[in-house]
Amino acid sequence: MHDEIFFDRFLKYMSVTVTEMFRDPDFYRAVREKVIPVLKTFPFVKIWHAGCATGEEVYSMAILLHEENFLDRARIYATDFNKHSLAAAEAGIYPEERMPNYIANYLAGGGSRDFSDYYSAGYGLAKMKDFLKERITFSYHNLVTDGVFGEMNFIACRNVMIYFDKVLQSRVLTLFTDSLRHGGFLCLGNRETLNFSNVKNHYQAADVKQKIYRKIGAAHV
C-alpha cells in the first residue's frame, strides 16, 4: 500500500537542499554580463529553475533581473519534487542570521544596491519582498518522471544532477534540451557537464568555467 504522507516525509528528510542566495557569485556575474544582454533582445522571457530547493537561488535571479530592469518582462518557474522545500521557497522566509553571508555573495556577484531593500526583517527572520514573488510561479515537477516544461529561454539546474546516475542524467539533459528554445541558455553546476551526453552537440559554451551553455541545434530526437 502506498502511504503518500509517509512518502512526503521521506522526501523531506532525504532530499538535499544545500543552497544559499547568490551561491557561486561568479556565476551570477557571468549571467549579468553574458546572458542578460541576450535575453533583453526578447520582449518577454520564460525562466525555469529546476530543482529550486528552498528558493534562495530563485530569489537571487529575481533580484538580478530587477536590477537589470528586466523583471517585469520575465516569468520565473521554480520547480521541485520535494513539496516541503517548495512550500518553504514559496513562503520566502529565511533566518535573518544568514543575511550577512547572502549580502557578501550578492556584492561579489555584481550587486551594487542595498540588499535590505529586498526583504523585511523581524523576529529573527527575513521575508522576501512581494514584488519579487509576483514574477515567480512555484510548481511541483519531478525531473525523473515528469515531461517537458517547454519553450524556455533560460534553464538553471545547478548541482542537482550530481546525485543522478548516468541514465538519469541523460534523461534530464534531454528533457532540458526539449524544453529550451533555440538560442536559449542552460546553466549547470560546477561539478556537472554536458560532455559525453547525447545532447552535447546541441550546445555551445557561453561560459565554460561557469557551465553556461547556449542551445544551437534543434530539439533532441
Protein backbone atom coordinates (compact mmCIF):
# COMPACT_ATOMS: atom_id res chain seq x y z
CA MET A 1 0.00 0.00 0.00
CA HIS A 2 1.33 3.45 -0.90
CA ASP A 3 1.36 5.89 2.02
CA GLU A 4 1.54 9.37 0.49
CA ILE A 5 2.07 11.13 3.84
CA PHE A 6 4.97 8.84 4.73
CA PHE A 7 6.47 9.28 1.26
CA ASP A 8 6.33 13.08 1.58
CA ARG A 9 8.06 12.89 4.95
CA PHE A 10 10.67 10.57 3.48
CA LEU A 11 11.41 13.09 0.71
CA LYS A 12 11.66 15.87 3.27
CA TYR A 13 14.48 14.14 5.11
CA MET A 14 16.24 12.52 2.15
CA SER A 15 16.31 15.44 -0.28
CA VAL A 16 19.47 17.50 -0.48
CA THR A 17 18.65 21.20 -0.04
CA VAL A 18 22.08 22.79 0.38
CA THR A 19 21.74 26.24 -1.16
CA GLU A 20 22.10 29.95 -0.46
CA MET A 21 21.41 33.28 -2.11
CA PHE A 22 23.81 34.18 -4.89
CA ARG A 23 25.60 30.89 -4.39
CA ASP A 24 28.78 30.88 -6.51
CA PRO A 25 28.85 34.66 -7.07
CA ASP A 26 30.97 34.37 -10.22
CA PHE A 27 28.09 32.51 -11.85
CA TYR A 28 25.73 35.44 -11.26
CA ARG A 29 28.32 37.89 -12.53
CA ALA A 30 28.60 35.80 -15.71
CA VAL A 31 24.81 35.79 -16.10
CA ARG A 32 24.75 39.58 -15.76
CA GLU A 33 27.47 40.04 -18.34
CA LYS A 34 26.85 37.28 -20.89
CA VAL A 35 23.24 36.15 -20.63
CA ILE A 36 21.12 39.15 -19.70
CA PRO A 37 22.15 41.22 -22.74
CA VAL A 38 20.86 38.41 -24.98
CA LEU A 39 17.63 37.93 -23.03
CA LYS A 40 16.94 41.65 -23.27
CA THR A 41 16.55 41.30 -27.02
CA PHE A 42 13.26 39.45 -26.37
CA PRO A 43 10.02 41.19 -25.41
CA PHE A 44 9.34 38.51 -22.78
CA VAL A 45 11.30 35.55 -21.43
CA LYS A 46 10.50 32.36 -19.54
CA ILE A 47 12.99 31.11 -16.98
CA TRP A 48 12.96 27.69 -15.33
CA HIS A 49 14.75 26.96 -12.06
CA ALA A 50 14.59 23.17 -11.91
CA GLY A 51 15.25 21.64 -8.50
CA CYS A 52 14.76 25.01 -6.78
CA ALA A 53 15.00 23.54 -3.25
CA THR A 54 14.06 26.20 -0.69
CA GLY A 55 14.19 29.02 -3.21
CA GLU A 56 17.25 31.09 -2.36
CA GLU A 57 18.68 30.91 -5.89
CA VAL A 58 15.29 31.69 -7.41
CA TYR A 59 15.02 34.93 -5.46
CA SER A 60 18.62 35.67 -6.39
CA MET A 61 17.64 35.52 -10.06
CA ALA A 62 14.60 37.72 -9.47
CA ILE A 63 16.80 40.31 -7.76
CA LEU A 64 19.31 40.20 -10.62
CA LEU A 65 16.55 40.69 -13.20
CA HIS A 66 15.09 43.56 -11.19
CA GLU A 67 18.44 45.33 -11.12
CA GLU A 68 18.76 44.84 -14.87
CA ASN A 69 15.30 46.45 -15.31
CA PHE A 70 14.03 43.23 -16.81
CA LEU A 71 11.98 41.52 -14.10
CA ASP A 72 8.66 42.84 -15.43
CA ARG A 73 9.37 41.14 -18.77
CA ALA A 74 10.12 37.73 -17.25
CA ARG A 75 8.26 34.84 -15.70
CA ILE A 76 10.30 32.55 -13.44
CA TYR A 77 9.09 28.98 -12.95
CA ALA A 78 10.52 27.42 -9.79
CA THR A 79 10.01 23.67 -9.52
CA ASP A 80 10.96 20.86 -7.19
CA PHE A 81 9.76 17.35 -6.33
CA ASN A 82 10.07 17.98 -2.59
CA LYS A 83 6.80 19.58 -1.50
CA HIS A 84 8.26 20.71 1.82
CA SER A 85 11.13 22.56 0.15
CA LEU A 86 8.73 24.02 -2.41
CA ALA A 87 6.47 25.36 0.35
CA ALA A 88 9.48 26.98 2.03
CA ALA A 89 10.52 28.52 -1.27
CA GLU A 90 7.07 29.98 -1.87
CA ALA A 91 6.99 31.43 1.65
CA GLY A 92 10.35 33.10 1.04
CA ILE A 93 11.21 33.37 4.74
CA TYR A 94 14.76 32.71 5.90
CA PRO A 95 16.76 33.12 9.13
CA GLU A 96 17.97 36.70 9.39
CA GLU A 97 21.35 35.43 10.61
CA ARG A 98 22.07 34.23 7.07
CA MET A 99 21.74 37.69 5.55
CA PRO A 100 25.38 38.84 6.07
CA ASN A 101 26.61 35.85 4.07
CA TYR A 102 23.97 36.43 1.39
CA ILE A 103 24.91 40.11 1.19
CA ALA A 104 28.57 39.19 0.69
CA ASN A 105 27.60 36.79 -2.11
CA TYR A 106 25.36 39.43 -3.68
CA LEU A 107 28.10 42.05 -3.76
CA ALA A 108 30.64 39.55 -5.12
CA GLY A 109 28.15 38.62 -7.83
CA GLY A 110 27.92 42.18 -9.14
CA GLY A 111 25.19 43.61 -6.93
CA SER A 112 25.55 47.27 -6.09
CA ARG A 113 22.36 48.24 -4.23
CA ASP A 114 21.21 47.96 -0.64
CA PHE A 115 20.32 44.27 -0.26
CA SER A 116 17.97 45.08 2.61
CA ASP A 117 15.60 46.61 0.02
CA TYR A 118 14.71 43.06 -0.99
CA TYR A 119 13.48 41.74 2.34
CA SER A 120 11.67 42.74 5.52
CA ALA A 121 13.28 41.70 8.81
CA GLY A 122 11.71 40.95 12.16
CA TYR A 123 11.69 38.37 14.95
CA GLY A 124 14.95 36.90 13.67
CA LEU A 125 13.53 36.24 10.19
CA ALA A 126 13.88 37.82 6.76
CA LYS A 127 10.90 37.74 4.38
CA MET A 128 11.49 38.37 0.69
CA LYS A 129 9.54 41.29 -0.76
CA ASP A 130 6.30 40.60 -2.60
CA PHE A 131 7.37 42.38 -5.80
CA LEU A 132 9.93 39.59 -6.30
CA LYS A 133 7.38 36.84 -5.67
CA GLU A 134 4.94 38.31 -8.19
CA ARG A 135 7.14 37.19 -11.07
CA ILE A 136 7.71 33.65 -9.72
CA THR A 137 5.44 30.65 -10.22
CA PHE A 138 6.17 27.77 -7.84
CA SER A 139 5.16 24.33 -9.08
CA TYR A 140 5.71 20.65 -8.35
CA HIS A 141 7.76 18.88 -11.02
CA ASN A 142 9.75 15.66 -10.88
CA LEU A 143 12.70 15.65 -13.27
CA VAL A 144 12.81 11.85 -13.25
CA THR A 145 9.19 11.14 -14.15
CA ASP A 146 7.55 14.31 -15.50
CA GLY A 147 7.62 15.66 -19.01
CA VAL A 148 8.70 18.73 -20.96
CA PHE A 149 8.41 22.13 -19.31
CA GLY A 150 8.51 23.87 -22.61
CA GLU A 151 9.55 26.96 -24.56
CA MET A 152 12.02 28.29 -22.01
CA ASN A 153 14.63 30.96 -22.73
CA PHE A 154 16.76 30.07 -19.73
CA ILE A 155 17.02 26.92 -17.60
CA ALA A 156 19.08 26.68 -14.41
CA CYS A 157 19.60 23.32 -12.74
CA ARG A 158 22.75 23.63 -10.69
CA ASN A 159 24.23 20.89 -8.53
CA VAL A 160 21.17 18.66 -8.80
CA MET A 161 22.29 16.06 -11.33
CA ILE A 162 25.42 15.19 -9.36
CA TYR A 163 23.11 12.92 -7.36
CA PHE A 164 21.84 11.11 -10.50
CA ASP A 165 23.39 8.17 -12.28
CA LYS A 166 24.35 8.45 -15.95
CA VAL A 167 20.99 7.16 -17.19
CA LEU A 168 19.02 9.74 -15.22
CA GLN A 169 21.44 12.49 -16.18
CA SER A 170 20.89 11.66 -19.84
CA ARG A 171 17.12 11.73 -19.41
CA VAL A 172 17.15 15.06 -17.62
CA LEU A 173 19.51 16.70 -20.12
CA THR A 174 17.24 15.55 -22.93
CA LEU A 175 14.26 16.98 -21.05
CA PHE A 176 16.01 20.32 -20.71
CA THR A 177 17.00 20.36 -24.36
CA ASP A 178 13.43 19.68 -25.44
CA SER A 179 12.17 22.37 -23.04
CA LEU A 180 14.59 25.04 -24.27
CA ARG A 181 14.02 27.39 -27.18
CA HIS A 182 16.64 27.70 -29.90
CA GLY A 183 19.25 30.15 -28.66
CA GLY A 184 18.24 29.64 -25.04
CA PHE A 185 20.65 29.09 -22.16
CA LEU A 186 21.21 26.04 -19.97
CA CYS A 187 23.12 26.50 -16.71
CA LEU A 188 24.59 23.57 -14.80
CA GLY A 189 26.51 23.28 -11.53
CA ASN A 190 30.28 23.49 -11.33
CA ARG A 191 30.56 19.70 -10.94
CA GLU A 192 28.25 18.92 -13.85
CA THR A 193 28.94 18.79 -17.58
CA LEU A 194 27.43 18.17 -20.99
CA ASN A 195 30.50 16.19 -22.00
CA PHE A 196 29.71 12.61 -23.03
CA SER A 197 25.98 13.40 -23.06
CA ASN A 198 23.71 12.66 -26.01
CA VAL A 199 22.78 16.37 -26.30
CA LYS A 200 26.29 17.85 -26.29
CA ASN A 201 26.17 18.74 -29.98
CA HIS A 202 23.07 20.88 -29.43
CA TYR A 203 25.03 23.42 -27.40
CA GLN A 204 27.97 25.77 -27.48
CA ALA A 205 29.62 27.12 -24.36
CA ALA A 206 28.73 30.69 -23.41
CA ASP A 207 30.97 30.46 -20.35
CA VAL A 208 32.98 27.28 -19.92
CA LYS A 209 34.05 27.90 -16.33
CA GLN A 210 30.56 28.75 -15.10
CA LYS A 211 28.93 25.91 -17.09
CA ILE A 212 26.62 28.18 -19.07
CA TYR A 213 25.65 26.73 -22.45
CA ARG A 214 23.61 28.09 -25.35
CA LYS A 215 21.38 25.85 -27.46
CA ILE A 216 22.33 25.97 -31.13
CA GLY A 217 20.56 22.93 -32.59
CA ALA A 218 17.05 21.59 -32.92
CA ALA A 219 15.40 19.66 -30.09
CA HIS A 220 16.86 16.24 -29.38
CA VAL A 221 15.02 13.35 -31.04
